[in-house]
Amino acid sequence: MFKKQLTLLEEAEGGFDQFTRSYKSYGVHILPNTSHRPCKFCADKNHSLFLQKMSIILSSSFLLIDDWDNFSHPYTKKEFGKWELHIPPKEDKTPAVAHNSKLKVVVHTRAGERLFRISPWAKYVTRHEKSVIYDWVHWDPPQPYIHKHPRPQKPRSLRIYESHVGIASPEGKVASYSNFTHNVLPRIKDLGYNCIQLMAIMEHAYYASFGYQVTSFFAASSRCGTPEELKELIDVAHSLGIIVLLDVVHSHASKNTEDGLNRFDGSDSCFFHSGPRGEHSLWDSRLFNYSGWEVLRFLLSNLRWWMEEYRFDGFRFDGVSSMLYHHHGIGSGFSGDYAEYFGLQVDEDSLVYLMLANHILHTLYEDCITIAEDVSGMPTLCCPVQEGGLGFDYRLAMAIPDKWIQILKEFKDEDWNMGNIVFTMTNRRYGEKCIAYAESHDQALVGDKTLAFWLMDKDMYTNMSTSIPMNSVIDRGIQLHKMIRLLTHSLGGEGYLNFMGNEFGHPEWLDFPRVGNNESYHYARRQFNLVDTDHLRYWQLYAFDRDMNRTEDKYGWLAAPPAYISVKHEGDKVIVFERANVIFIFNFHPTNSYSSYRVAVGPPGKYKIKLDSDGIQYGGHGRLDHNTEFFTEPMEFNNLPNSMLVIWKYLPPRVKRRMRESVYL
């Protein structure tokens, strides 16, 4: 099916390169003679279409103070359901549609309805201050932003900072692209992340949807600023050596009609499947018809648009599990049996679309990165398309954060199962690269808790000051917060992801303004000011996250083959493994320390401590001597040819402070 689609693209469109450049001919464009071809698109061939320009919107009806009425500028019907309109320039040779003009498509249906719509290819839309409906705005600035810096090379180790521009400020408001550029990018660089995953960029009318109910696919969210400001953000990130991925939502679309794709031409089958197949019952959204030629043009051109116009470096594809199956994962579990992945329940049209998307992106952009959000475990997801796979570079290791939350909710410290933790961290197909994470935006949302809040809860409000001794809750929470993240970072995958603010243990949860919270922005923000307050312990967690990333950058364990695990001792609560020729030692026991511990080693030689979660600067207790040198012995141990004794200072008698530490050698 994939090969057939490529052949059809070649025969009908001259190849996928030309096909995916359709954004240059669809939508509003100024021709060399300053005339316009405003909005070439597809709609029901039995309708009549007109372009309307207006200056003022009152509620959802229009007060026209221009000389364009609803029917003064009709579109011409072309073959294959296409519509086109050519508007000559004004007498003074200036464009008839000026920069910042507000436009609407008027659809006169065969049933006699008159529908006011935004072009599916609109590049900029804004919300009118007196209405919940968005306006289509013609964006043609006299001085467009020009990118100054080349894209960075694809990193060998991917360390992702998952970000939402709107909440990237301590203030209770929608933050801007400019704020992110000037205030957040320097933090990301300092922390050692080399990739940013931007959420909620594609325009969405409902802010509380977290960007996952997209209404305008080609428009960058105007609530955070202008397209030029987003381009500057990406350009500055590139200047810092940071690549930027777009969280792209092609798995479904908002049900909105007046400012969305839904029922654009009055029918329920324009862009989407008609009937129940075109509805997602849990998300209350519309589902694309990936077999439709114009749907493929729209979605594949959309990917090309973000790569070319804004210079994104790749995509995290949202909702891939929903796309892959006709049941969308609703009421279905996945045990790993291959019958669950290969059968009539698989949506072959959407699967082929994902193959096309990955093939085109990786052919046109050698360093493009694609990540799949798939919880089902679909085989071949990250195999190259030429091998019959879907062609993604990475998949999200979505079981890992669920495991940590389960452990913290359901098990006492002394009941943690080392073998089960290690299994969850390493349960992936050989050669299939995974993005590991201890928590993402999902765990931060209202209704759940971040790891820091599960660990420390209300004590974070009163006991995070460095001017008072840590109580047992804060001590346990800070130590485990670091260890959980380091274990996930070093053992869980070939890439690592962190959601903004969680690196320093951001308190509370994330909740967008909505009716249920009186439209409050109190929880729709990131309190970076906590890190900048010297007498609070948040900077200690920040410092550990920074040094963890910097250490990985030096030794490259994410780019190394999977770890060799030599110890997962249930009684000692110790995990030991080797990766990238370095040794990781974790003691999760709540009370026991060990004066010496023999660990297996591959390469012989001298080892020194390079990262220690018990360091004073990280909120630890400084119980390890960093001047100690550890020498291997040619003594076989745990199936490795060498071993060494690691000497740990043990706790004095009757000291009840809990002993937990992770050591990176």
Foldseek 3Di string as FASTA:
>chain_A
DLVVVQVCCCVPPVGPVRLLQCLQVAAWDQDPLRKIWHGKDFDDLQKKKFKDWADDDDAPDGDHPDPDDRHPFTWDADPPRITIGIGADPPVSHHPADFFIWMWMWIQHPVRDTATADHLSQAAWAADPNYLAITRTHHDDPDAADQDFDAFFFDLFAAEAEEEQQFAFQDLGGEALQCCQPPVLVLCLLLQGQEYEYWLQQADSDVQVRNQAHFHLNYGHPRRHHPRSLLVSQSSSRVSNHAYAYAHEQQWHHCDARRHDACVNPARQRQADPDPLQADVVVRTGGGDLVDPSNLSSVSSSQVSCCPVSNHQAYEYPLVCLLQFSCSCVPDAAPPPCVVQDDPRTDVSSLSSLLVNLVVCCVVHVRRAYEYAHPRQRPLCCPHVVVVHSNHPEYELVVQLVVLQCCLVPHDLLPDALVVNLCSQAVDDFPHFYAFENDALVQQAPVHFALLCSQQNPVLVPAQFQVDDHDQSVLRSLAVLLVSGLCRCQARGLHYYDYPQVQLPFGHGAGAQDVVVPRTSNRSHHPPVQLVDVRGLSVLSSVSSSQSSVVCVVQVQSSWGHWAWQDRDSNQNWTWIDTSQKIKIWGSFFADDDQKDKDAHADFDKDFWDHKCQDVSNVHPPFDDRVDIWGWDQPDGSNHRIMTIDGTDTDDPPDRRTDTMMTID
